[in-house]
Amino acid sequence: MTIIMIILAVIGGATLSIQAAINGQLGSKVGVFRCAFLTFSVGALITGLLIFYFEPRHALTLLDVPKWQLLGAMCGVPYIVIMVFAVQRIGTAVATVAVIFGQLFMSMLIDNFGWLGNDVIAFSPSRIGAVICLGIALYFIHASGKDTAKTES
């Protein structure tokens, strides 16, 4: 089951890169906020249908949970808006790796300190090494894009 979840997460990441590339193009033509609005409108419609047809009943509703947990819904807005801006200026690869770097760094802080009700998973040399490697990858991907742009001009 773990392997299946990892594969699904990789597929989810791949779709985010596709979304970023498409939204970067769309945002440059119709505007960043219109693009973000379309993303969330279509997403709300599809999610609403999935809830209606497939979501099992739960003991709690959105009105019953601690209110701070509802704040997670707002985290997608900055992501979409930032990616639409960033992809137009730095490309899909650099923007995506930068997002993954931010995700990895923050998720390791959340794990290490058990923030937001999560189990504690302490920093380890291999976890810290992974962040460093991803930072190095971000540098090289960005630097290689600069080199290519200089060569073409």
C-alpha atoms as a PDB file:
ATOM      1  CA  MET A   1       0.000   0.000   0.000  1.00  0.00           C
ATOM      2  CA  THR A   2       2.899   2.381   0.726  1.00  0.00           C
ATOM      3  CA  ILE A   3       4.269   1.964  -2.799  1.00  0.00           C
ATOM      4  CA  ILE A   4       0.837   2.712  -4.272  1.00  0.00           C
ATOM      5  CA  MET A   5       0.563   5.891  -2.167  1.00  0.00           C
ATOM      6  CA  ILE A   6       4.045   6.999  -3.263  1.00  0.00           C
ATOM      7  CA  ILE A   7       3.162   6.375  -6.917  1.00  0.00           C
ATOM      8  CA  LEU A   8      -0.092   8.324  -6.512  1.00  0.00           C
ATOM      9  CA  ALA A   9       1.821  11.193  -4.853  1.00  0.00           C
ATOM     10  CA  VAL A  10       4.292  11.245  -7.778  1.00  0.00           C
ATOM     11  CA  ILE A  11       1.369  11.349 -10.211  1.00  0.00           C
ATOM     12  CA  GLY A  12      -0.163  14.180  -8.163  1.00  0.00           C
ATOM     13  CA  GLY A  13       3.122  16.067  -8.366  1.00  0.00           C
ATOM     14  CA  ALA A  14       3.286  15.527 -12.116  1.00  0.00           C
ATOM     15  CA  THR A  15      -0.212  16.939 -12.541  1.00  0.00           C
ATOM     16  CA  LEU A  16       0.803  20.010 -10.509  1.00  0.00           C
ATOM     17  CA  SER A  17       3.652  20.652 -12.951  1.00  0.00           C
ATOM     18  CA  ILE A  18       1.271  20.305 -15.886  1.00  0.00           C
ATOM     19  CA  GLN A  19      -1.174  22.640 -14.139  1.00  0.00           C
ATOM     20  CA  ALA A  20       1.590  25.181 -13.485  1.00  0.00           C
ATOM     21  CA  ALA A  21       2.699  25.193 -17.124  1.00  0.00           C
ATOM     22  CA  ILE A  22      -0.858  25.534 -18.439  1.00  0.00           C
ATOM     23  CA  ASN A  23      -1.816  28.176 -15.872  1.00  0.00           C
ATOM     24  CA  GLY A  24       1.347  30.155 -16.623  1.00  0.00           C
ATOM     25  CA  GLN A  25       0.276  30.402 -20.258  1.00  0.00           C
ATOM     26  CA  LEU A  26      -3.353  31.108 -19.426  1.00  0.00           C
ATOM     27  CA  GLY A  27      -2.435  33.707 -16.793  1.00  0.00           C
ATOM     28  CA  SER A  28      -0.283  35.613 -19.265  1.00  0.00           C
ATOM     29  CA  LYS A  29      -3.258  35.857 -21.638  1.00  0.00           C
ATOM     30  CA  VAL A  30      -6.237  36.488 -19.332  1.00  0.00           C
ATOM     31  CA  GLY A  31      -4.645  37.615 -16.056  1.00  0.00           C
ATOM     32  CA  VAL A  32      -3.331  35.876 -12.983  1.00  0.00           C
ATOM     33  CA  PHE A  33      -6.426  36.271 -10.841  1.00  0.00           C
ATOM     34  CA  ARG A  34      -8.857  35.205 -13.577  1.00  0.00           C
ATOM     35  CA  CYS A  35      -6.721  32.125 -14.100  1.00  0.00           C
ATOM     36  CA  ALA A  36      -6.734  31.375 -10.353  1.00  0.00           C
ATOM     37  CA  PHE A  37     -10.504  31.945 -10.235  1.00  0.00           C
ATOM     38  CA  LEU A  38     -11.031  29.456 -13.064  1.00  0.00           C
ATOM     39  CA  THR A  39      -8.825  26.897 -11.318  1.00  0.00           C
ATOM     40  CA  PHE A  40     -10.753  27.144  -8.069  1.00  0.00           C
ATOM     41  CA  SER A  41     -14.184  27.338  -9.719  1.00  0.00           C
ATOM     42  CA  VAL A  42     -13.648  24.199 -11.777  1.00  0.00           C
ATOM     43  CA  GLY A  43     -11.999  22.511  -8.795  1.00  0.00           C
ATOM     44  CA  ALA A  44     -14.966  23.389  -6.552  1.00  0.00           C
ATOM     45  CA  LEU A  45     -17.431  22.050  -9.094  1.00  0.00           C
ATOM     46  CA  ILE A  46     -15.587  18.763  -9.573  1.00  0.00           C
ATOM     47  CA  THR A  47     -14.979  18.332  -5.845  1.00  0.00           C
ATOM     48  CA  GLY A  48     -18.650  19.075  -5.127  1.00  0.00           C
ATOM     49  CA  LEU A  49     -19.678  16.307  -7.523  1.00  0.00           C
ATOM     50  CA  LEU A  50     -17.177  13.902  -5.951  1.00  0.00           C
ATOM     51  CA  ILE A  51     -18.554  14.703  -2.480  1.00  0.00           C
ATOM     52  CA  PHE A  52     -22.137  14.277  -3.649  1.00  0.00           C
ATOM     53  CA  TYR A  53     -21.540  10.910  -5.324  1.00  0.00           C
ATOM     54  CA  PHE A  54     -18.667   9.291  -3.423  1.00  0.00           C
ATOM     55  CA  GLU A  55     -17.991  10.865   0.012  1.00  0.00           C
ATOM     56  CA  PRO A  56     -19.120   8.595   2.872  1.00  0.00           C
ATOM     57  CA  ARG A  57     -20.896  10.095   5.876  1.00  0.00           C
ATOM     58  CA  HIS A  58     -18.685  11.398   8.679  1.00  0.00           C
ATOM     59  CA  ALA A  59     -19.441  11.991  12.342  1.00  0.00           C
ATOM     60  CA  LEU A  60     -18.412  15.657  12.052  1.00  0.00           C
ATOM     61  CA  THR A  61     -19.259  18.362   9.529  1.00  0.00           C
ATOM     62  CA  LEU A  62     -17.159  21.350   8.501  1.00  0.00           C
ATOM     63  CA  LEU A  63     -19.114  23.369  11.082  1.00  0.00           C
ATOM     64  CA  ASP A  64     -18.097  20.989  13.896  1.00  0.00           C
ATOM     65  CA  VAL A  65     -14.300  20.844  13.470  1.00  0.00           C
ATOM     66  CA  PRO A  66     -11.883  23.254  15.175  1.00  0.00           C
ATOM     67  CA  LYS A  67     -11.992  26.473  13.139  1.00  0.00           C
ATOM     68  CA  TRP A  68      -8.204  26.647  12.678  1.00  0.00           C
ATOM     69  CA  GLN A  69      -8.442  23.483  10.559  1.00  0.00           C
ATOM     70  CA  LEU A  70     -10.513  25.375   8.003  1.00  0.00           C
ATOM     71  CA  LEU A  71      -7.539  27.668   7.313  1.00  0.00           C
ATOM     72  CA  GLY A  72      -5.906  24.933   5.228  1.00  0.00           C
ATOM     73  CA  ALA A  73      -8.412  25.730   2.480  1.00  0.00           C
ATOM     74  CA  MET A  74      -6.809  29.138   2.055  1.00  0.00           C
ATOM     75  CA  CYS A  75      -3.316  27.747   1.461  1.00  0.00           C
ATOM     76  CA  GLY A  76      -4.092  26.813  -2.140  1.00  0.00           C
ATOM     77  CA  VAL A  77      -4.771  30.399  -3.190  1.00  0.00           C
ATOM     78  CA  PRO A  78      -1.223  31.722  -2.679  1.00  0.00           C
ATOM     79  CA  TYR A  79       0.173  28.589  -4.345  1.00  0.00           C
ATOM     80  CA  ILE A  80      -1.858  29.031  -7.534  1.00  0.00           C
ATOM     81  CA  VAL A  81      -1.302  32.790  -7.761  1.00  0.00           C
ATOM     82  CA  ILE A  82       2.446  32.504  -7.070  1.00  0.00           C
ATOM     83  CA  MET A  83       2.877  29.698  -9.598  1.00  0.00           C
ATOM     84  CA  VAL A  84       1.026  31.588 -12.335  1.00  0.00           C
ATOM     85  CA  PHE A  85       3.357  34.565 -11.760  1.00  0.00           C
ATOM     86  CA  ALA A  86       6.515  32.487 -11.299  1.00  0.00           C
ATOM     87  CA  VAL A  87       6.161  30.116 -14.264  1.00  0.00           C
ATOM     88  CA  GLN A  88       5.912  33.103 -16.621  1.00  0.00           C
ATOM     89  CA  ARG A  89       9.187  34.512 -15.279  1.00  0.00           C
ATOM     90  CA  ILE A  90      11.393  31.586 -14.239  1.00  0.00           C
ATOM     91  CA  GLY A  91       9.887  28.592 -16.059  1.00  0.00           C
ATOM     92  CA  THR A  92       7.989  25.532 -14.930  1.00  0.00           C
ATOM     93  CA  ALA A  93      11.003  23.496 -13.763  1.00  0.00           C
ATOM     94  CA  VAL A  94      12.538  26.148 -11.500  1.00  0.00           C
ATOM     95  CA  ALA A  95       9.155  27.185 -10.102  1.00  0.00           C
ATOM     96  CA  THR A  96       8.189  23.575  -9.397  1.00  0.00           C
ATOM     97  CA  VAL A  97      11.484  22.653  -7.737  1.00  0.00           C
ATOM     98  CA  ALA A  98      11.289  25.830  -5.659  1.00  0.00           C
ATOM     99  CA  VAL A  99       7.778  24.845  -4.523  1.00  0.00           C
ATOM    100  CA  ILE A 100       8.967  21.341  -3.668  1.00  0.00           C
ATOM    101  CA  PHE A 101      11.891  22.841  -1.729  1.00  0.00           C
ATOM    102  CA  GLY A 102       9.463  24.988   0.251  1.00  0.00           C
ATOM    103  CA  GLN A 103       7.149  22.030   0.826  1.00  0.00           C
ATOM    104  CA  LEU A 104       9.976  19.799   1.997  1.00  0.00           C
ATOM    105  CA  PHE A 105      11.456  22.428   4.297  1.00  0.00           C
ATOM    106  CA  MET A 106       8.115  23.312   5.912  1.00  0.00           C
ATOM    107  CA  SER A 107       6.940  19.706   6.171  1.00  0.00           C
ATOM    108  CA  MET A 108      10.163  18.766   7.947  1.00  0.00           C
ATOM    109  CA  LEU A 109       9.570  21.586  10.451  1.00  0.00           C
ATOM    110  CA  ILE A 110       5.978  20.402  10.940  1.00  0.00           C
ATOM    111  CA  ASP A 111       7.186  16.819  11.463  1.00  0.00           C
ATOM    112  CA  ASN A 112      10.052  17.742  13.772  1.00  0.00           C
ATOM    113  CA  PHE A 113       7.965  19.909  16.083  1.00  0.00           C
ATOM    114  CA  GLY A 114       4.670  18.032  15.737  1.00  0.00           C
ATOM    115  CA  TRP A 115       2.909  21.220  14.648  1.00  0.00           C
ATOM    116  CA  LEU A 116      -0.749  21.235  13.614  1.00  0.00           C
ATOM    117  CA  GLY A 117      -1.513  18.020  15.510  1.00  0.00           C
ATOM    118  CA  ASN A 118       0.892  15.810  13.550  1.00  0.00           C
ATOM    119  CA  ASP A 119       3.104  13.075  14.971  1.00  0.00           C
ATOM    120  CA  VAL A 120       6.687  14.048  15.756  1.00  0.00           C
ATOM    121  CA  ILE A 121       9.308  12.779  13.314  1.00  0.00           C
ATOM    122  CA  ALA A 122      12.639  14.241  14.378  1.00  0.00           C
ATOM    123  CA  PHE A 123      15.254  15.750  12.088  1.00  0.00           C
ATOM    124  CA  SER A 124      17.857  13.230  11.017  1.00  0.00           C
ATOM    125  CA  PRO A 125      21.046  13.538   9.001  1.00  0.00           C
ATOM    126  CA  SER A 126      19.380  11.908   5.984  1.00  0.00           C
ATOM    127  CA  ARG A 127      16.394  14.275   6.140  1.00  0.00           C
ATOM    128  CA  ILE A 128      18.645  17.317   6.398  1.00  0.00           C
ATOM    129  CA  GLY A 129      20.801  15.913   3.587  1.00  0.00           C
ATOM    130  CA  ALA A 130      17.689  15.590   1.406  1.00  0.00           C
ATOM    131  CA  VAL A 131      16.868  19.291   1.871  1.00  0.00           C
ATOM    132  CA  ILE A 132      20.456  20.242   1.057  1.00  0.00           C
ATOM    133  CA  CYS A 133      20.427  18.050  -2.076  1.00  0.00           C
ATOM    134  CA  LEU A 134      17.161  19.580  -3.222  1.00  0.00           C
ATOM    135  CA  GLY A 135      18.581  23.068  -2.614  1.00  0.00           C
ATOM    136  CA  ILE A 136      21.587  22.159  -4.745  1.00  0.00           C
ATOM    137  CA  ALA A 137      19.264  20.759  -7.436  1.00  0.00           C
ATOM    138  CA  LEU A 138      17.284  24.013  -7.390  1.00  0.00           C
ATOM    139  CA  TYR A 139      20.498  25.990  -7.878  1.00  0.00           C
ATOM    140  CA  PHE A 140      21.654  23.853 -10.820  1.00  0.00           C
ATOM    141  CA  ILE A 141      18.254  23.815 -12.526  1.00  0.00           C
ATOM    142  CA  HIS A 142      18.042  27.602 -12.213  1.00  0.00           C
ATOM    143  CA  ALA A 143      21.666  28.116 -13.316  1.00  0.00           C
ATOM    144  CA  SER A 144      21.282  25.834 -16.341  1.00  0.00           C
ATOM    145  CA  GLY A 145      18.219  27.795 -17.429  1.00  0.00           C
ATOM    146  CA  LYS A 146      20.243  31.025 -17.278  1.00  0.00           C
ATOM    147  CA  ASP A 147      23.030  29.456 -19.338  1.00  0.00           C
ATOM    148  CA  THR A 148      20.545  28.304 -21.989  1.00  0.00           C
ATOM    149  CA  ALA A 149      18.925  31.741 -22.163  1.00  0.00           C
ATOM    150  CA  LYS A 150      22.338  33.418 -22.619  1.00  0.00           C
ATOM    151  CA  THR A 151      23.287  30.960 -25.373  1.00  0.00           C
ATOM    152  CA  GLU A 152      20.030  31.568 -27.275  1.00  0.00           C
ATOM    153  CA  SER A 153      20.360  35.376 -27.165  1.00  0.00           C
END
